[in-house]
């Protein structure tokens, strides 16, 4: 089953690491969209989606419109937790 994954970043190092990990562990059928706050081409779309999803800090990741709690990703093994969320 394919998932829509959206990554919201602010170009800091953790954002890049998180983006790469999510991409590494996502299934081949997953659709991944990256929105960077510093990119003027995606800024308005990002602002609308951040408001819709209730994102309060960056980086953030959503899967099928649901915010994935990054504090869980930071506390545990990133690869295990990303796989758990992305392969439900």
PDB file of N, CA and C in Angstrom:
ATOM      1  N   UNK A   1       0.839  -1.171   0.000  1.00  0.00           N
ATOM      2  CA  UNK A   1       0.000   0.000   0.000  1.00  0.00           C
ATOM      3  C   UNK A   1       0.887   1.238   0.000  1.00  0.00           C
ATOM      4  N   UNK A   2       0.651   2.146  -0.910  1.00  0.00           N
ATOM      5  CA  UNK A   2       1.483   3.338  -0.990  1.00  0.00           C
ATOM      6  C   UNK A   2       1.046   4.372   0.037  1.00  0.00           C
ATOM      7  N   UNK A   3       2.009   5.144   0.495  1.00  0.00           N
ATOM      8  CA  UNK A   3       1.784   6.192   1.472  1.00  0.00           C
ATOM      9  C   UNK A   3       2.229   7.514   0.887  1.00  0.00           C
ATOM     10  N   UNK A   4       1.593   8.592   1.319  1.00  0.00           N
ATOM     11  CA  UNK A   4       2.049   9.926   0.955  1.00  0.00           C
ATOM     12  C   UNK A   4       2.791  10.490   2.155  1.00  0.00           C
ATOM     13  N   UNK A   5       4.059  10.762   1.958  1.00  0.00           N
ATOM     14  CA  UNK A   5       4.916  11.271   3.021  1.00  0.00           C
ATOM     15  C   UNK A   5       5.311  12.690   2.664  1.00  0.00           C
ATOM     16  N   UNK A   6       5.129  13.593   3.619  1.00  0.00           N
ATOM     17  CA  UNK A   6       5.522  14.986   3.416  1.00  0.00           C
ATOM     18  C   UNK A   6       6.531  15.353   4.486  1.00  0.00           C
ATOM     19  N   UNK A   7       7.638  15.936   4.030  1.00  0.00           N
ATOM     20  CA  UNK A   7       8.714  16.339   4.923  1.00  0.00           C
ATOM     21  C   UNK A   7       8.796  17.861   4.866  1.00  0.00           C
ATOM     22  N   UNK A   8       8.717  18.485   6.030  1.00  0.00           N
ATOM     23  CA  UNK A   8       8.786  19.942   6.138  1.00  0.00           C
ATOM     24  C   UNK A   8      10.107  20.296   6.794  1.00  0.00           C
ATOM     25  N   UNK A   9      10.941  21.063   6.094  1.00  0.00           N
ATOM     26  CA  UNK A   9      12.287  21.349   6.588  1.00  0.00           C
ATOM     27  C   UNK A   9      12.551  22.845   6.660  1.00  0.00           C
ATOM     28  N   UNK A  10      13.656  23.148   7.338  1.00  0.00           N
ATOM     29  CA  UNK A  10      14.130  24.529   7.397  1.00  0.00           C
ATOM     30  C   UNK A  10      15.619  24.599   7.070  1.00  0.00           C
ATOM     31  N   UNK A  11      16.097  23.621   6.350  1.00  0.00           N
ATOM     32  CA  UNK A  11      17.478  23.552   5.850  1.00  0.00           C
ATOM     33  C   UNK A  11      18.536  23.394   6.935  1.00  0.00           C
ATOM     34  N   UNK A  12      18.180  22.956   8.150  1.00  0.00           N
ATOM     35  CA  UNK A  12      19.232  22.705   9.132  1.00  0.00           C
ATOM     36  C   UNK A  12      19.742  21.285   8.959  1.00  0.00           C
ATOM     37  N   UNK A  13      20.826  20.955   9.649  1.00  0.00           N
ATOM     38  CA  UNK A  13      21.464  19.649   9.437  1.00  0.00           C
ATOM     39  C   UNK A  13      20.541  18.498   9.828  1.00  0.00           C
ATOM     40  N   UNK A  14      19.820  18.620  10.943  1.00  0.00           N
ATOM     41  CA  UNK A  14      18.928  17.529  11.336  1.00  0.00           C
ATOM     42  C   UNK A  14      17.853  17.319  10.277  1.00  0.00           C
ATOM     43  N   UNK A  15      17.393  18.402   9.656  1.00  0.00           N
ATOM     44  CA  UNK A  15      16.380  18.280   8.606  1.00  0.00           C
ATOM     45  C   UNK A  15      16.896  17.434   7.455  1.00  0.00           C
ATOM     46  N   UNK A  16      18.125  17.695   7.040  1.00  0.00           N
ATOM     47  CA  UNK A  16      18.711  16.933   5.936  1.00  0.00           C
ATOM     48  C   UNK A  16      18.883  15.465   6.300  1.00  0.00           C
ATOM     49  N   UNK A  17      19.356  15.214   7.517  1.00  0.00           N
ATOM     50  CA  UNK A  17      19.528  13.835   7.969  1.00  0.00           C
ATOM     51  C   UNK A  17      18.183  13.118   8.029  1.00  0.00           C
ATOM     52  N   UNK A  18      17.186  13.797   8.565  1.00  0.00           N
ATOM     53  CA  UNK A  18      15.857  13.209   8.665  1.00  0.00           C
ATOM     54  C   UNK A  18      15.289  12.927   7.278  1.00  0.00           C
ATOM     55  N   UNK A  19      15.422  13.881   6.383  1.00  0.00           N
ATOM     56  CA  UNK A  19      14.926  13.698   5.012  1.00  0.00           C
ATOM     57  C   UNK A  19      15.566  12.476   4.370  1.00  0.00           C
ATOM     58  N   UNK A  20      16.872  12.344   4.506  1.00  0.00           N
ATOM     59  CA  UNK A  20      17.572  11.195   3.915  1.00  0.00           C
ATOM     60  C   UNK A  20      17.130   9.878   4.537  1.00  0.00           C
ATOM     61  N   UNK A  21      16.960   9.848   5.857  1.00  0.00           N
ATOM     62  CA  UNK A  21      16.519   8.621   6.531  1.00  0.00           C
ATOM     63  C   UNK A  21      15.118   8.228   6.089  1.00  0.00           C
ATOM     64  N   UNK A  22      14.216   9.196   6.031  1.00  0.00           N
ATOM     65  CA  UNK A  22      12.845   8.897   5.616  1.00  0.00           C
ATOM     66  C   UNK A  22      12.845   8.344   4.194  1.00  0.00           C
ATOM     67  N   UNK A  23      13.608   8.966   3.316  1.00  0.00           N
ATOM     68  CA  UNK A  23      13.682   8.486   1.932  1.00  0.00           C
ATOM     69  C   UNK A  23      14.281   7.084   1.852  1.00  0.00           C
ATOM     70  N   UNK A  24      15.289   6.813   2.685  1.00  0.00           N
ATOM     71  CA  UNK A  24      15.924   5.494   2.688  1.00  0.00           C
ATOM     72  C   UNK A  24      14.962   4.392   3.112  1.00  0.00           C
ATOM     73  N   UNK A  25      14.108   4.685   4.074  1.00  0.00           N
ATOM     74  CA  UNK A  25      13.245   3.660   4.644  1.00  0.00           C
ATOM     75  C   UNK A  25      11.842   3.622   4.073  1.00  0.00           C
ATOM     76  N   UNK A  26      11.506   4.588   3.257  1.00  0.00           N
ATOM     77  CA  UNK A  26      10.172   4.588   2.645  1.00  0.00           C
ATOM     78  C   UNK A  26      10.090   3.472   1.603  1.00  0.00           C
ATOM     79  N   UNK A  27       8.899   2.986   1.417  1.00  0.00           N
ATOM     80  CA  UNK A  27       8.724   1.927   0.423  1.00  0.00           C
ATOM     81  C   UNK A  27       8.838   2.516  -0.987  1.00  0.00           C
ATOM     82  N   UNK A  28       9.057   1.680  -1.946  1.00  0.00           N
ATOM     83  CA  UNK A  28       9.239   2.145  -3.322  1.00  0.00           C
ATOM     84  C   UNK A  28       7.966   2.753  -3.903  1.00  0.00           C
ATOM     85  N   UNK A  29       6.825   2.421  -3.344  1.00  0.00           N
ATOM     86  CA  UNK A  29       5.554   2.959  -3.825  1.00  0.00           C
ATOM     87  C   UNK A  29       5.156   4.258  -3.118  1.00  0.00           C
ATOM     88  N   UNK A  30       5.907   4.621  -2.074  1.00  0.00           N
ATOM     89  CA  UNK A  30       5.580   5.832  -1.314  1.00  0.00           C
ATOM     90  C   UNK A  30       5.843   7.080  -2.160  1.00  0.00           C
ATOM     91  N   UNK A  31       4.959   8.030  -1.998  1.00  0.00           N
ATOM     92  CA  UNK A  31       5.114   9.324  -2.648  1.00  0.00           C
ATOM     93  C   UNK A  31       5.676  10.290  -1.612  1.00  0.00           C
ATOM     94  N   UNK A  32       6.861  10.849  -1.880  1.00  0.00           N
ATOM     95  CA  UNK A  32       7.525  11.728  -0.918  1.00  0.00           C
ATOM     96  C   UNK A  32       7.579  13.138  -1.476  1.00  0.00           C
ATOM     97  N   UNK A  33       7.106  14.090  -0.662  1.00  0.00           N
ATOM     98  CA  UNK A  33       7.138  15.506  -1.024  1.00  0.00           C
ATOM     99  C   UNK A  33       7.931  16.244   0.046  1.00  0.00           C
ATOM    100  N   UNK A  34       8.886  17.059  -0.380  1.00  0.00           N
ATOM    101  CA  UNK A  34       9.704  17.822   0.555  1.00  0.00           C
ATOM    102  C   UNK A  34       9.382  19.305   0.372  1.00  0.00           C
ATOM    103  N   UNK A  35       9.073  19.944   1.488  1.00  0.00           N
ATOM    104  CA  UNK A  35       8.791  21.380   1.492  1.00  0.00           C
ATOM    105  C   UNK A  35       9.845  22.051   2.363  1.00  0.00           C
ATOM    106  N   UNK A  36      10.594  22.979   1.774  1.00  0.00           N
ATOM    107  CA  UNK A  36      11.661  23.685   2.484  1.00  0.00           C
ATOM    108  C   UNK A  36      11.236  25.132   2.690  1.00  0.00           C
ATOM    109  N   UNK A  37      11.284  25.578   3.943  1.00  0.00           N
ATOM    110  CA  UNK A  37      10.860  26.940   4.284  1.00  0.00           C
ATOM    111  C   UNK A  37      11.687  28.001   3.557  1.00  0.00           C
ATOM    112  N   UNK A  38      12.907  27.661   3.162  1.00  0.00           N
ATOM    113  CA  UNK A  38      13.755  28.634   2.477  1.00  0.00           C
ATOM    114  C   UNK A  38      13.567  28.630   0.956  1.00  0.00           C
ATOM    115  N   UNK A  39      12.707  27.739   0.453  1.00  0.00           N
ATOM    116  CA  UNK A  39      12.478  27.652  -0.991  1.00  0.00           C
ATOM    117  C   UNK A  39      11.221  28.442  -1.354  1.00  0.00           C
ATOM    118  N   UNK A  40      11.378  29.543  -2.080  1.00  0.00           N
ATOM    119  CA  UNK A  40      10.210  30.363  -2.431  1.00  0.00           C
ATOM    120  C   UNK A  40       9.199  29.637  -3.322  1.00  0.00           C
ATOM    121  N   UNK A  41       9.631  28.600  -4.026  1.00  0.00           N
ATOM    122  CA  UNK A  41       8.719  27.860  -4.911  1.00  0.00           C
ATOM    123  C   UNK A  41       7.725  26.985  -4.157  1.00  0.00           C
ATOM    124  N   UNK A  42       8.052  26.597  -2.934  1.00  0.00           N
ATOM    125  CA  UNK A  42       7.159  25.729  -2.162  1.00  0.00           C
ATOM    126  C   UNK A  42       6.617  26.411  -0.906  1.00  0.00           C
ATOM    127  N   UNK A  43       7.003  27.656  -0.671  1.00  0.00           N
ATOM    128  CA  UNK A  43       6.664  28.328   0.588  1.00  0.00           C
ATOM    129  C   UNK A  43       5.160  28.438   0.831  1.00  0.00           C
ATOM    130  N   UNK A  44       4.385  28.863  -0.157  1.00  0.00           N
ATOM    131  CA  UNK A  44       2.944  29.048   0.071  1.00  0.00           C
ATOM    132  C   UNK A  44       2.241  27.716   0.296  1.00  0.00           C
ATOM    133  N   UNK A  45       2.623  26.683  -0.448  1.00  0.00           N
ATOM    134  CA  UNK A  45       2.049  25.355  -0.236  1.00  0.00           C
ATOM    135  C   UNK A  45       2.432  24.843   1.138  1.00  0.00           C
ATOM    136  N   UNK A  46       3.690  25.048   1.511  1.00  0.00           N
ATOM    137  CA  UNK A  46       4.157  24.600   2.809  1.00  0.00           C
ATOM    138  C   UNK A  46       3.382  25.286   3.927  1.00  0.00           C
ATOM    139  N   UNK A  47       3.197  26.583   3.831  1.00  0.00           N
ATOM    140  CA  UNK A  47       2.476  27.325   4.868  1.00  0.00           C
ATOM    141  C   UNK A  47       1.056  26.799   5.043  1.00  0.00           C
ATOM    142  N   UNK A  48       0.385  26.499   3.948  1.00  0.00           N
ATOM    143  CA  UNK A  48      -0.983  25.977   4.013  1.00  0.00           C
ATOM    144  C   UNK A  48      -1.012  24.598   4.664  1.00  0.00           C
ATOM    145  N   UNK A  49      -0.084  23.743   4.287  1.00  0.00           N
ATOM    146  CA  UNK A  49      -0.055  22.385   4.835  1.00  0.00           C
ATOM    147  C   UNK A  49       0.356  22.377   6.308  1.00  0.00           C
ATOM    148  N   UNK A  50       1.303  23.223   6.671  1.00  0.00           N
ATOM    149  CA  UNK A  50       1.729  23.326   8.070  1.00  0.00           C
ATOM    150  C   UNK A  50       0.542  23.727   8.945  1.00  0.00           C
ATOM    151  N   UNK A  51      -0.247  24.676   8.476  1.00  0.00           N
ATOM    152  CA  UNK A  51      -1.438  25.103   9.219  1.00  0.00           C
ATOM    153  C   UNK A  51      -2.462  23.970   9.292  1.00  0.00           C
ATOM    154  N   UNK A  52      -2.666  23.290   8.185  1.00  0.00           N
ATOM    155  CA  UNK A  52      -3.641  22.190   8.133  1.00  0.00           C
ATOM    156  C   UNK A  52      -3.275  21.050   9.084  1.00  0.00           C
ATOM    157  N   UNK A  53      -1.984  20.700   9.143  1.00  0.00           N
ATOM    158  CA  UNK A  53      -1.533  19.569   9.943  1.00  0.00           C
ATOM    159  C   UNK A  53      -1.205  19.936  11.389  1.00  0.00           C
ATOM    160  N   UNK A  54      -1.160  21.217  11.693  1.00  0.00           N
ATOM    161  CA  UNK A  54      -0.839  21.637  13.054  1.00  0.00           C
ATOM    162  C   UNK A  54       0.634  21.532  13.391  1.00  0.00           C
ATOM    163  N   UNK A  55       1.492  21.672  12.397  1.00  0.00           N
ATOM    164  CA  UNK A  55       2.936  21.617  12.617  1.00  0.00           C
ATOM    165  C   UNK A  55       3.352  22.869  13.385  1.00  0.00           C
ATOM    166  N   UNK A  56       4.096  22.675  14.478  1.00  0.00           N
ATOM    167  CA  UNK A  56       4.528  23.806  15.293  1.00  0.00           C
ATOM    168  C   UNK A  56       6.030  24.035  15.264  1.00  0.00           C
ATOM    169  N   UNK A  57       6.791  23.069  14.741  1.00  0.00           N
ATOM    170  CA  UNK A  57       8.236  23.247  14.634  1.00  0.00           C
ATOM    171  C   UNK A  57       8.760  22.424  13.465  1.00  0.00           C
ATOM    172  N   UNK A  58       9.920  22.829  12.986  1.00  0.00           N
ATOM    173  CA  UNK A  58      10.565  22.143  11.876  1.00  0.00           C
ATOM    174  C   UNK A  58      11.850  21.521  12.369  1.00  0.00           C
ATOM    175  N   UNK A  59      12.234  20.382  11.825  1.00  0.00           N
ATOM    176  CA  UNK A  59      11.588  19.641  10.762  1.00  0.00           C
ATOM    177  C   UNK A  59      10.353  18.907  11.272  1.00  0.00           C
ATOM    178  N   UNK A  60       9.517  18.509  10.327  1.00  0.00           N
ATOM    179  CA  UNK A  60       8.318  17.735  10.629  1.00  0.00           C
ATOM    180  C   UNK A  60       8.061  16.764   9.492  1.00  0.00           C
ATOM    181  N   UNK A  61       7.408  15.657   9.827  1.00  0.00           N
ATOM    182  CA  UNK A  61       7.086  14.641   8.833  1.00  0.00           C
ATOM    183  C   UNK A  61       5.636  14.232   9.022  1.00  0.00           C
ATOM    184  N   UNK A  62       4.911  14.128   7.927  1.00  0.00           N
ATOM    185  CA  UNK A  62       3.559  13.601   7.972  1.00  0.00           C
ATOM    186  C   UNK A  62       3.475  12.381   7.063  1.00  0.00           C
ATOM    187  N   UNK A  63       2.563  11.498   7.409  1.00  0.00           N
ATOM    188  CA  UNK A  63       2.291  10.345   6.568  1.00  0.00           C
ATOM    189  C   UNK A  63       0.782  10.273   6.400  1.00  0.00           C
ATOM    190  N   UNK A  64       0.349  10.332   5.162  1.00  0.00           N
ATOM    191  CA  UNK A  64      -1.082  10.339   4.843  1.00  0.00           C
ATOM    192  C   UNK A  64      -1.826  11.385   5.665  1.00  0.00           C
ATOM    193  N   UNK A  65      -1.198  12.558   5.807  1.00  0.00           N
ATOM    194  CA  UNK A  65      -1.828  13.681   6.487  1.00  0.00           C
ATOM    195  C   UNK A  65      -1.757  13.656   7.997  1.00  0.00           C
ATOM    196  N   UNK A  66      -1.075  12.678   8.573  1.00  0.00           N
ATOM    197  CA  UNK A  66      -0.952  12.578  10.028  1.00  0.00           C
ATOM    198  C   UNK A  66       0.475  12.883  10.440  1.00  0.00           C
ATOM    199  N   UNK A  67       0.608  13.768  11.405  1.00  0.00           N
ATOM    200  CA  UNK A  67       1.914  14.182  11.897  1.00  0.00           C
ATOM    201  C   UNK A  67       2.584  13.035  12.650  1.00  0.00           C
ATOM    202  N   UNK A  68       3.833  12.742  12.293  1.00  0.00           N
ATOM    203  CA  UNK A  68       4.620  11.736  12.988  1.00  0.00           C
ATOM    204  C   UNK A  68       5.378  12.457  14.104  1.00  0.00           C
ATOM    205  N   UNK A  69       5.251  12.014  15.353  1.00  0.00           N
ATOM    206  CA  UNK A  69       5.928  12.699  16.463  1.00  0.00           C
ATOM    207  C   UNK A  69       7.441  12.527  16.398  1.00  0.00           C
ATOM    208  N   UNK A  70       8.140  13.615  16.104  1.00  0.00           N
ATOM    209  CA  UNK A  70       9.592  13.534  15.944  1.00  0.00           C
ATOM    210  C   UNK A  70      10.314  13.281  17.250  1.00  0.00           C
ATOM    211  N   UNK A  71       9.708  13.650  18.379  1.00  0.00           N
ATOM    212  CA  UNK A  71      10.383  13.373  19.651  1.00  0.00           C
ATOM    213  C   UNK A  71      10.599  11.875  19.819  1.00  0.00           C
ATOM    214  N   UNK A  72       9.698  11.070  19.295  1.00  0.00           N
ATOM    215  CA  UNK A  72       9.892   9.617  19.330  1.00  0.00           C
ATOM    216  C   UNK A  72      11.017   9.203  18.395  1.00  0.00           C
ATOM    217  N   UNK A  73      11.110   9.867  17.257  1.00  0.00           N
ATOM    218  CA  UNK A  73      12.187   9.546  16.318  1.00  0.00           C
ATOM    219  C   UNK A  73      13.542   9.933  16.888  1.00  0.00           C
ATOM    220  N   UNK A  74      13.598  11.056  17.609  1.00  0.00           N
ATOM    221  CA  UNK A  74      14.869  11.515  18.176  1.00  0.00           C
ATOM    222  C   UNK A  74      15.317  10.654  19.340  1.00  0.00           C
ATOM    223  N   UNK A  75      14.367  10.144  20.138  1.00  0.00           N
ATOM    224  CA  UNK A  75      14.708   9.376  21.334  1.00  0.00           C
ATOM    225  C   UNK A  75      15.150   7.955  21.015  1.00  0.00           C
ATOM    226  N   UNK A  76      14.560   7.374  20.015  1.00  0.00           N
ATOM    227  CA  UNK A  76      14.838   5.968  19.724  1.00  0.00           C
ATOM    228  C   UNK A  76      15.764   5.801  18.545  1.00  0.00           C
ATOM    229  N   UNK A  77      15.794   4.599  18.062  1.00  0.00           N
ATOM    230  CA  UNK A  77      16.560   4.290  16.861  1.00  0.00           C
ATOM    231  C   UNK A  77      15.808   4.838  15.660  1.00  0.00           C
ATOM    232  N   UNK A  78      16.368   5.822  15.016  1.00  0.00           N
ATOM    233  CA  UNK A  78      15.691   6.499  13.914  1.00  0.00           C
ATOM    234  C   UNK A  78      15.253   5.515  12.841  1.00  0.00           C
ATOM    235  N   UNK A  79      16.119   4.606  12.464  1.00  0.00           N
ATOM    236  CA  UNK A  79      15.754   3.691  11.383  1.00  0.00           C
ATOM    237  C   UNK A  79      14.594   2.786  11.775  1.00  0.00           C
ATOM    238  N   UNK A  80      14.597   2.284  13.006  1.00  0.00           N
ATOM    239  CA  UNK A  80      13.516   1.410  13.461  1.00  0.00           C
ATOM    240  C   UNK A  80      12.196   2.161  13.520  1.00  0.00           C
ATOM    241  N   UNK A  81      12.217   3.369  14.063  1.00  0.00           N
ATOM    242  CA  UNK A  81      10.976   4.134  14.190  1.00  0.00           C
ATOM    243  C   UNK A  81      10.435   4.604  12.853  1.00  0.00           C
ATOM    244  N   UNK A  82      11.322   5.012  11.969  1.00  0.00           N
ATOM    245  CA  UNK A  82      10.852   5.431  10.642  1.00  0.00           C
ATOM    246  C   UNK A  82      10.213   4.248   9.933  1.00  0.00           C
ATOM    247  N   UNK A  83      10.843   3.091  10.006  1.00  0.00           N
ATOM    248  CA  UNK A  83      10.271   1.897   9.375  1.00  0.00           C
ATOM    249  C   UNK A  83       8.919   1.569   9.996  1.00  0.00           C
ATOM    250  N   UNK A  84       8.811   1.680  11.307  1.00  0.00           N
ATOM    251  CA  UNK A  84       7.556   1.369  11.996  1.00  0.00           C
ATOM    252  C   UNK A  84       6.429   2.271  11.489  1.00  0.00           C
ATOM    253  N   UNK A  85       6.694   3.570  11.388  1.00  0.00           N
ATOM    254  CA  UNK A  85       5.666   4.494  10.944  1.00  0.00           C
ATOM    255  C   UNK A  85       5.359   4.362   9.458  1.00  0.00           C
ATOM    256  N   UNK A  86       6.369   4.108   8.650  1.00  0.00           N
ATOM    257  CA  UNK A  86       6.181   4.117   7.204  1.00  0.00           C
ATOM    258  C   UNK A  86       5.680   2.808   6.639  1.00  0.00           C
ATOM    259  N   UNK A  87       5.786   1.742   7.375  1.00  0.00           N
ATOM    260  CA  UNK A  87       5.384   0.446   6.821  1.00  0.00           C
ATOM    261  C   UNK A  87       4.208  -0.181   7.557  1.00  0.00           C
ATOM    262  N   UNK A  88       3.341   0.655   8.103  1.00  0.00           N
ATOM    263  CA  UNK A  88       2.115   0.162   8.743  1.00  0.00           C
ATOM    264  C   UNK A  88       1.179  -0.339   7.696  1.00  0.00           C
TER     265      UNK A  88
END
